[in-house]
Amino acid sequence: MPRRSKRQAEKEEEEAKKSKLSDGWKMSWEEAGGAKIKGVAPLLVYDGEDALKSSVVAGFDMDGTIIKTKSGRRFPTGPSDWVFWDDAVIKKLRDLHSNNTKIVFFTNQAGIEKKNTSVSSITSKIEDILETLGFPVTVLVCTGHNHYRKPSIRLWEYFAEHCNDGGEIDLQRSVFVGDAAGRSKDWKPGMKKDFSCTDRMFAANIGVPFHTPEEFFLDEPKATKYEWRAADPGKLLAASVSSPRDMSHITKKAPPTEMIVLVGSPASGKSTFAERHLKPHGYVIVNRDTLGTMAKCEKAAAKALEDGQSVVVDNTNPDPASRAKFIQIATKHSVPVRCVELTTPRDVASHLNYFRAILTDGKRRRIPDVAFNSFRSKYKAPSAGEGFDEVIKVEFVPEFHGHNKTRARELFAHWQSG
């Protein structure tokens, strides 16, 4: 059989592109989710008139569930580096579609925001997957570490409101399938532990049954060895309060003018503590996130004391060196200085980190892990020996009050993870 010339091959490829089944679908990509982050919309949505509408939804993670890399590498080398996760995937999805079940892909693609991959690489790959399936599927792509990232309920809420004609969804008959299931090492002989538990969390947050790809596509037994690997929101809520906590043991002992230095990891609740419990008593809040540099914080603290106002230093202040400057400023102005340490555990701070990003629709950006690691590496417990008149430890307790307390409590009750 004669070999095709390069020109013939190119011509055949062009003809194949022209005759794509998906070209006739009334489907399109849209940017959604609010203001762009690093030039990219938080959410990309593939949807349209030809996407099936149904009260029964089968949601799927994409990488490691619908597809895997053809190269065998953890991350794809390009848009064509994929094959279906198993031969059973195509038949199962086609059967679901034939039985009037709406199929939806929910996928985290943080590589877009990080510039490790492009929007066009992801969208073209997804279109190729659907072309092979032979029918259109609604797809939601979270492009970074924003408020739509699984396991955030916001991803599901967007779908339910905008992508299914607003129809009611039967959660008990619906399902979500994903490989990030928190399974421990050797959950099956010789298998590595899952990289995270975000897909299991996502299903729990939605309130739908969850399956791993092995369980759903291959009918394997339910995995029983898994861990959530995050703070349990149910246990945290059990200690919550619906009105501001009494902090009179701190504020009633306060002299006319003083300095309070807060200590705590990122997302430990320092700013909320300062706003709720100290600002109403006249404390000036000094915060590096607002002022920009430590030098400006020191200058602002000194100015407040000169004006006869008490001041609270709302920074992480992890070690004696970072606290010493402010102790010196208080000493110079002859005012007492106390330390309030928020002892919020790391897993709870991580929960708060994602919770506040979701609650504020992304206006509060997620703090990266490097900031937590930096705090941990520098941390030295504060002591009176540094020059503090008193060191007070405050445990984290969820507080829900104000106009959005119902929504805040609802979102706090969800599993959070990166």
Protein backbone atom coordinates (compact mmCIF):
# COMPACT_ATOMS: atom_id res chain seq x y z
CA MET A 1 0.00 0.00 0.00
CA PRO A 2 1.60 3.32 -1.05
CA ARG A 3 2.53 5.73 1.73
CA ARG A 4 0.61 9.00 1.99
CA SER A 5 2.51 12.12 1.16
CA LYS A 6 2.85 14.85 3.76
CA ARG A 7 0.51 17.01 1.69
CA GLN A 8 -2.13 14.25 1.60
CA ALA A 9 -1.91 13.77 5.35
CA GLU A 10 -2.35 17.50 5.95
CA LYS A 11 -5.33 17.59 3.59
CA GLU A 12 -7.00 14.65 5.35
CA GLU A 13 -6.42 16.31 8.72
CA GLU A 14 -8.03 19.52 7.47
CA GLU A 15 -11.03 17.59 6.14
CA ALA A 16 -11.40 15.82 9.48
CA LYS A 17 -11.45 19.15 11.28
CA LYS A 18 -14.14 20.46 8.93
CA SER A 19 -16.36 17.45 9.53
CA LYS A 20 -16.35 17.49 13.34
CA LEU A 21 -19.61 16.30 14.84
CA SER A 22 -19.38 19.03 17.48
CA ASP A 23 -19.44 21.77 14.84
CA GLY A 24 -23.18 21.27 14.58
CA TRP A 25 -23.82 21.49 18.32
CA LYS A 26 -25.41 24.59 19.77
CA MET A 27 -22.74 24.83 22.45
CA SER A 28 -20.16 27.48 23.32
CA TRP A 29 -17.53 28.49 25.86
CA GLU A 30 -18.22 31.43 28.18
CA GLU A 31 -16.15 33.19 30.81
CA ALA A 32 -17.87 33.51 34.19
CA GLY A 33 -17.28 33.97 37.90
CA GLY A 34 -16.57 37.70 38.17
CA ALA A 35 -13.45 39.78 37.75
CA LYS A 36 -10.47 38.21 36.01
CA ILE A 37 -7.54 37.01 38.09
CA LYS A 38 -4.13 37.35 36.45
CA GLY A 39 -5.93 37.96 33.18
CA VAL A 40 -8.11 34.84 33.42
CA ALA A 41 -11.79 34.48 34.33
CA PRO A 42 -12.29 32.40 37.50
CA LEU A 43 -14.62 30.04 35.66
CA LEU A 44 -14.93 28.71 32.10
CA VAL A 45 -18.26 27.14 31.16
CA TYR A 46 -19.12 25.00 28.13
CA ASP A 47 -22.88 24.83 27.73
CA GLY A 48 -25.70 25.50 25.32
CA GLU A 49 -29.08 24.52 23.94
CA ASP A 50 -27.96 21.03 22.96
CA ALA A 51 -26.81 20.07 26.45
CA LEU A 52 -29.28 17.66 28.01
CA LYS A 53 -31.46 19.06 30.81
CA SER A 54 -32.49 16.67 33.57
CA SER A 55 -33.33 16.43 37.26
CA VAL A 56 -30.83 13.57 37.56
CA VAL A 57 -27.18 14.63 37.29
CA ALA A 58 -24.04 12.54 37.03
CA GLY A 59 -21.10 14.81 37.84
CA PHE A 60 -17.52 13.80 37.11
CA ASP A 61 -14.06 15.02 37.83
CA MET A 62 -12.07 14.93 34.59
CA ASP A 63 -8.36 14.10 35.06
CA GLY A 64 -7.90 10.70 36.67
CA THR A 65 -11.60 9.94 36.33
CA ILE A 66 -12.77 10.45 32.75
CA ILE A 67 -9.29 10.53 31.24
CA LYS A 68 -5.66 9.85 32.10
CA THR A 69 -2.44 10.83 30.36
CA LYS A 70 -1.43 8.82 27.33
CA SER A 71 2.23 9.42 28.26
CA GLY A 72 1.81 7.94 31.73
CA ARG A 73 3.05 11.13 33.32
CA ARG A 74 1.24 12.79 36.21
CA PHE A 75 0.60 15.98 34.23
CA PRO A 76 -0.18 16.04 30.50
CA THR A 77 2.51 17.12 28.05
CA GLY A 78 -0.04 18.84 25.83
CA PRO A 79 -3.70 18.89 24.75
CA SER A 80 -3.40 15.56 22.89
CA ASP A 81 -1.80 13.70 25.81
CA TRP A 82 -4.90 11.86 26.96
CA VAL A 83 -6.81 8.60 26.68
CA PHE A 84 -9.99 7.52 28.42
CA TRP A 85 -9.37 6.31 31.95
CA ASP A 86 -10.73 2.87 31.02
CA ASP A 87 -12.60 1.33 28.10
CA ALA A 88 -15.66 1.18 30.34
CA VAL A 89 -15.89 4.99 30.54
CA ILE A 90 -17.31 5.61 27.07
CA LYS A 91 -20.00 2.92 27.33
CA LYS A 92 -21.04 4.02 30.81
CA LEU A 93 -21.33 7.68 29.82
CA ARG A 94 -23.26 6.86 26.67
CA ASP A 95 -25.65 4.67 28.68
CA LEU A 96 -26.23 7.46 31.18
CA HIS A 97 -26.91 9.94 28.40
CA SER A 98 -29.34 7.54 26.71
CA ASN A 99 -31.19 7.15 30.02
CA ASN A 100 -31.76 10.93 30.26
CA THR A 101 -29.11 11.54 32.93
CA LYS A 102 -27.36 14.88 32.58
CA ILE A 103 -23.59 14.46 32.52
CA VAL A 104 -21.44 17.32 33.82
CA PHE A 105 -17.66 17.60 34.14
CA PHE A 106 -16.40 19.67 37.08
CA THR A 107 -12.65 20.16 36.83
CA ASN A 108 -10.00 22.15 38.70
CA GLN A 109 -7.36 23.47 36.28
CA ALA A 110 -5.13 25.72 38.42
CA GLY A 111 -2.42 25.42 35.77
CA ILE A 112 -4.29 28.03 33.71
CA GLU A 113 -3.86 30.76 36.34
CA LYS A 114 -0.27 29.64 36.97
CA LYS A 115 0.44 29.90 33.21
CA ASN A 116 1.50 26.24 33.11
CA THR A 117 -1.12 25.64 30.44
CA SER A 118 -3.39 27.77 28.27
CA VAL A 119 -7.14 28.17 28.06
CA SER A 120 -7.07 26.94 24.46
CA SER A 121 -5.16 23.77 25.42
CA ILE A 122 -7.78 22.85 28.01
CA THR A 123 -10.84 23.76 25.92
CA SER A 124 -9.57 21.99 22.79
CA LYS A 125 -8.84 18.84 24.80
CA ILE A 126 -12.33 18.88 26.31
CA GLU A 127 -13.89 19.34 22.88
CA ASP A 128 -11.90 16.36 21.58
CA ILE A 129 -13.13 14.24 24.50
CA LEU A 130 -16.75 15.15 23.78
CA GLU A 131 -16.24 14.59 20.07
CA THR A 132 -15.19 11.03 20.86
CA LEU A 133 -18.16 10.54 23.18
CA GLY A 134 -20.46 11.71 20.41
CA PHE A 135 -22.71 14.05 22.38
CA PRO A 136 -22.40 17.45 24.12
CA VAL A 137 -21.71 17.66 27.84
CA THR A 138 -21.82 20.66 30.17
CA VAL A 139 -18.35 21.42 31.51
CA LEU A 140 -17.27 23.79 34.29
CA VAL A 141 -13.57 24.59 34.56
CA CYS A 142 -12.16 26.38 37.62
CA THR A 143 -9.05 28.16 36.35
CA GLY A 144 -7.14 28.70 39.61
CA HIS A 145 -7.16 28.70 43.40
CA ASN A 146 -10.30 30.82 43.57
CA HIS A 147 -13.73 30.61 45.19
CA TYR A 148 -15.02 28.13 42.56
CA ARG A 149 -12.31 25.54 43.16
CA LYS A 150 -13.57 22.15 44.27
CA PRO A 151 -14.69 21.30 46.88
CA SER A 152 -16.35 24.73 46.93
CA ILE A 153 -20.14 24.53 46.67
CA ARG A 154 -20.00 27.64 44.47
CA LEU A 155 -19.08 25.51 41.45
CA TRP A 156 -22.20 23.40 41.88
CA GLU A 157 -24.37 26.43 42.64
CA TYR A 158 -23.30 28.10 39.40
CA PHE A 159 -24.18 24.96 37.44
CA ALA A 160 -27.57 24.55 39.14
CA GLU A 161 -28.53 28.18 38.55
CA HIS A 162 -27.20 28.70 35.02
CA CYS A 163 -26.72 25.36 33.25
CA ASN A 164 -29.80 23.21 33.75
CA ASP A 165 -32.62 25.67 32.99
CA GLY A 166 -32.91 26.26 36.72
CA GLY A 167 -34.77 23.00 37.18
CA GLU A 168 -34.83 21.23 40.51
CA ILE A 169 -32.17 18.54 40.87
CA ASP A 170 -32.89 15.24 42.61
CA LEU A 171 -29.78 15.00 44.78
CA GLN A 172 -30.45 11.47 46.03
CA ARG A 173 -30.68 10.09 42.49
CA SER A 174 -27.71 12.13 41.30
CA VAL A 175 -24.05 11.24 41.84
CA PHE A 176 -20.52 12.61 41.75
CA VAL A 177 -17.49 10.56 40.70
CA GLY A 178 -13.86 11.49 41.30
CA ASP A 179 -10.44 10.07 42.07
CA ALA A 180 -9.50 12.58 44.81
CA ALA A 181 -11.15 10.44 47.46
CA GLY A 182 -8.71 10.62 50.38
CA ARG A 183 -7.91 6.93 50.09
CA SER A 184 -5.01 5.76 52.24
CA LYS A 185 -1.92 3.95 50.98
CA ASP A 186 -2.74 0.36 50.03
CA TRP A 187 -6.47 1.08 49.92
CA LYS A 188 -6.09 -1.66 47.36
CA PRO A 189 -2.91 -3.77 47.50
CA GLY A 190 0.00 -1.83 46.03
CA MET A 191 -1.94 1.40 45.43
CA LYS A 192 -0.60 4.82 46.44
CA LYS A 193 -2.65 7.12 48.61
CA ASP A 194 -4.84 9.68 46.84
CA PHE A 195 -3.31 13.13 46.41
CA SER A 196 -6.30 14.74 48.14
CA CYS A 197 -9.90 14.26 49.24
CA THR A 198 -11.45 17.16 47.31
CA ASP A 199 -13.83 15.09 45.16
CA ARG A 200 -15.28 13.23 48.15
CA MET A 201 -15.63 16.61 49.91
CA PHE A 202 -17.34 18.14 46.88
CA ALA A 203 -19.96 15.39 46.84
CA ALA A 204 -20.51 15.75 50.59
CA ASN A 205 -20.93 19.52 50.27
CA ILE A 206 -23.49 19.09 47.48
CA GLY A 207 -25.30 16.27 49.28
CA VAL A 208 -25.04 13.63 46.53
CA PRO A 209 -23.73 10.03 46.70
CA PHE A 210 -20.02 9.66 45.92
CA HIS A 211 -18.08 7.03 44.00
CA THR A 212 -14.49 6.60 42.90
CA PRO A 213 -13.84 5.73 39.22
CA GLU A 214 -13.07 2.15 40.23
CA GLU A 215 -16.40 1.84 42.02
CA PHE A 216 -18.48 3.58 39.36
CA PHE A 217 -16.97 2.32 36.12
CA LEU A 218 -15.53 -1.05 37.19
CA ASP A 219 -18.02 -2.04 39.91
CA GLU A 220 -15.25 -2.55 42.47
CA PRO A 221 -16.16 -2.65 46.20
CA LYS A 222 -16.43 0.61 48.12
CA ALA A 223 -13.12 1.87 49.46
CA THR A 224 -13.26 1.89 53.25
CA LYS A 225 -9.74 3.18 53.97
CA TYR A 226 -9.87 6.92 53.50
CA GLU A 227 -9.30 10.14 55.43
CA TRP A 228 -10.83 13.60 55.00
CA ARG A 229 -7.43 15.26 55.72
CA ALA A 230 -9.02 18.51 56.86
CA ALA A 231 -10.72 20.14 59.82
CA ASP A 232 -14.15 18.61 60.41
CA PRO A 233 -16.62 21.51 60.01
CA GLY A 234 -19.27 19.65 62.00
CA LYS A 235 -17.06 19.51 65.06
CA LEU A 236 -16.11 23.18 64.66
CA LEU A 237 -19.76 24.20 64.38
CA ALA A 238 -20.58 22.37 67.59
CA ALA A 239 -18.56 25.02 69.43
CA SER A 240 -19.92 28.00 67.48
CA VAL A 241 -21.74 31.00 68.96
CA SER A 242 -24.42 33.27 67.47
CA SER A 243 -23.32 36.45 69.26
CA PRO A 244 -19.92 38.07 69.89
CA ARG A 245 -17.88 36.33 72.58
CA ASP A 246 -17.27 38.09 75.85
CA MET A 247 -13.70 39.39 75.72
CA SER A 248 -14.05 41.61 78.77
CA HIS A 249 -11.14 39.77 80.42
CA ILE A 250 -9.03 41.54 77.80
CA THR A 251 -10.77 44.89 77.29
CA LYS A 252 -11.73 45.64 80.94
CA LYS A 253 -8.14 45.29 82.08
CA ALA A 254 -6.95 47.70 79.44
CA PRO A 255 -5.29 50.93 80.64
CA PRO A 256 -6.30 54.28 79.01
CA THR A 257 -3.61 53.80 76.35
CA GLU A 258 -1.80 50.60 75.49
CA MET A 259 -0.47 48.43 72.69
CA ILE A 260 -1.66 44.90 71.92
CA VAL A 261 0.50 42.76 69.65
CA LEU A 262 -1.38 39.92 68.00
CA VAL A 263 0.36 36.64 67.19
CA GLY A 264 -1.11 33.99 64.94
CA SER A 265 -0.73 32.16 61.66
CA PRO A 266 -2.24 33.45 58.41
CA ALA A 267 -6.05 33.00 58.41
CA SER A 268 -6.14 32.34 62.15
CA GLY A 269 -8.79 35.02 62.74
CA LYS A 270 -6.57 37.91 63.87
CA SER A 271 -8.23 40.62 61.77
CA THR A 272 -11.72 39.48 62.73
CA PHE A 273 -10.68 39.47 66.39
CA ALA A 274 -9.28 43.00 66.12
CA GLU A 275 -12.34 44.32 64.28
CA ARG A 276 -14.93 42.71 66.57
CA HIS A 277 -13.34 42.95 69.97
CA LEU A 278 -10.81 45.79 69.97
CA LYS A 279 -11.80 48.39 67.38
CA PRO A 280 -15.15 49.11 69.15
CA HIS A 281 -13.09 50.08 72.22
CA GLY A 282 -11.11 52.68 70.29
CA TYR A 283 -8.05 50.64 69.28
CA VAL A 284 -6.34 51.74 66.07
CA ILE A 285 -5.65 48.69 63.90
CA VAL A 286 -2.21 48.53 62.30
CA ASN A 287 -1.98 45.92 59.57
CA ARG A 288 0.75 45.26 57.01
CA ASP A 289 -1.73 43.99 54.42
CA THR A 290 -3.34 47.43 54.48
CA LEU A 291 -0.27 49.64 54.93
CA GLY A 292 2.10 47.68 52.71
CA THR A 293 5.36 47.63 54.69
CA MET A 294 6.53 46.94 58.23
CA ALA A 295 8.11 50.40 58.38
CA LYS A 296 4.69 51.97 57.77
CA CYS A 297 3.19 49.75 60.48
CA GLU A 298 5.79 50.92 62.98
CA LYS A 299 5.19 54.55 62.02
CA ALA A 300 1.40 54.19 62.31
CA ALA A 301 1.69 52.50 65.72
CA ALA A 302 3.92 55.27 67.03
CA LYS A 303 1.57 57.96 65.68
CA ALA A 304 -1.45 56.38 67.38
CA LEU A 305 0.32 56.26 70.75
CA GLU A 306 1.51 59.87 70.35
CA ASP A 307 -2.14 60.85 69.81
CA GLY A 308 -3.15 59.04 73.01
CA GLN A 309 -4.86 56.17 71.21
CA SER A 310 -4.47 52.48 71.96
CA VAL A 311 -3.19 50.37 69.08
CA VAL A 312 -3.41 46.73 68.04
CA VAL A 313 -0.73 45.31 65.75
CA ASP A 314 -2.60 42.91 63.46
CA ASN A 315 0.26 40.98 61.81
CA THR A 316 1.42 37.36 62.16
CA ASN A 317 4.38 38.44 64.36
CA PRO A 318 5.78 34.89 64.54
CA ASP A 319 9.03 35.44 66.44
CA PRO A 320 10.69 37.69 69.03
CA ALA A 321 12.48 39.68 66.30
CA SER A 322 9.22 40.67 64.60
CA ARG A 323 7.65 41.63 67.93
CA ALA A 324 10.64 43.50 69.38
CA LYS A 325 10.19 46.67 67.29
CA PHE A 326 6.66 47.18 68.56
CA ILE A 327 7.64 46.45 72.16
CA GLN A 328 10.32 49.12 71.79
CA ILE A 329 7.77 51.61 70.43
CA ALA A 330 5.45 50.97 73.38
CA THR A 331 8.33 51.32 75.84
CA LYS A 332 9.43 54.57 74.22
CA HIS A 333 5.93 56.01 74.69
CA SER A 334 5.69 54.68 78.26
CA VAL A 335 2.58 52.57 77.63
CA PRO A 336 2.05 48.94 78.60
CA VAL A 337 2.17 46.28 75.88
CA ARG A 338 0.28 43.02 75.94
CA CYS A 339 0.33 40.05 73.58
CA VAL A 340 -2.76 38.18 72.42
CA GLU A 341 -1.97 34.91 70.66
CA LEU A 342 -4.63 33.23 68.53
CA THR A 343 -3.92 29.52 68.89
CA THR A 344 -5.92 28.44 65.83
CA PRO A 345 -4.65 25.02 64.62
CA ARG A 346 -3.21 24.75 61.10
CA ASP A 347 -6.08 22.68 59.70
CA VAL A 348 -8.65 25.12 61.07
CA ALA A 349 -6.73 28.09 59.63
CA SER A 350 -6.75 26.32 56.26
CA HIS A 351 -10.53 25.89 56.57
CA LEU A 352 -10.89 29.61 57.35
CA ASN A 353 -8.60 30.49 54.45
CA TYR A 354 -10.94 28.93 51.88
CA PHE A 355 -14.13 29.79 53.74
CA ARG A 356 -13.52 33.55 53.66
CA ALA A 357 -12.59 33.45 49.95
CA ILE A 358 -15.88 31.69 49.19
CA LEU A 359 -17.94 33.91 51.53
CA THR A 360 -16.59 37.11 49.92
CA ASP A 361 -16.98 35.85 46.32
CA GLY A 362 -13.22 35.88 45.91
CA LYS A 363 -12.64 39.43 47.16
CA ARG A 364 -10.48 37.89 49.89
CA ARG A 365 -7.92 35.84 48.01
CA ARG A 366 -6.69 32.51 49.31
CA ILE A 367 -3.39 32.77 51.18
CA PRO A 368 -0.84 30.43 49.56
CA ASP A 369 0.66 27.53 51.50
CA VAL A 370 4.10 29.15 51.46
CA ALA A 371 2.84 31.81 53.88
CA PHE A 372 1.72 29.14 56.37
CA ASN A 373 5.02 27.30 55.99
CA SER A 374 6.98 30.51 56.55
CA PHE A 375 5.06 31.25 59.75
CA ARG A 376 5.62 27.72 61.05
CA SER A 377 9.36 27.84 60.36
CA LYS A 378 9.78 31.17 62.20
CA TYR A 379 7.33 30.64 65.06
CA LYS A 380 8.52 31.09 68.64
CA ALA A 381 5.89 31.21 71.39
CA PRO A 382 5.56 34.71 72.87
CA SER A 383 6.58 35.19 76.50
CA ALA A 384 6.66 37.87 79.18
CA GLY A 385 10.45 37.71 78.97
CA GLU A 386 10.28 39.62 75.67
CA GLY A 387 8.87 42.64 77.49
CA PHE A 388 5.14 41.94 77.43
CA ASP A 389 3.12 42.88 80.50
CA GLU A 390 0.87 39.92 79.80
CA VAL A 391 0.49 37.11 77.26
CA ILE A 392 -3.09 35.96 76.63
CA LYS A 393 -4.02 32.93 74.55
CA VAL A 394 -7.33 32.92 72.66
CA GLU A 395 -8.77 29.77 71.10
CA PHE A 396 -10.70 29.95 67.83
CA VAL A 397 -14.47 29.70 68.13
CA PRO A 398 -16.73 30.24 65.08
CA GLU A 399 -18.93 33.31 65.50
CA PHE A 400 -21.90 33.92 63.23
CA HIS A 401 -23.75 37.20 63.55
CA GLY A 402 -24.63 40.12 61.34
CA HIS A 403 -26.73 40.37 58.18
CA ASN A 404 -25.18 37.36 56.41
CA LYS A 405 -24.86 35.02 59.38
CA THR A 406 -27.14 32.34 57.85
CA ARG A 407 -25.14 32.15 54.63
CA ALA A 408 -21.86 32.29 56.54
CA ARG A 409 -22.87 29.38 58.75
CA GLU A 410 -24.04 27.39 55.73
CA LEU A 411 -20.73 27.85 53.89
CA PHE A 412 -18.67 27.23 57.02
CA ALA A 413 -20.39 23.86 57.38
CA HIS A 414 -18.81 22.67 54.12
CA TRP A 415 -15.54 20.79 53.79
CA GLN A 416 -12.70 23.03 52.62
CA SER A 417 -9.44 22.00 51.04
CA GLY A 418 -6.92 23.08 48.41
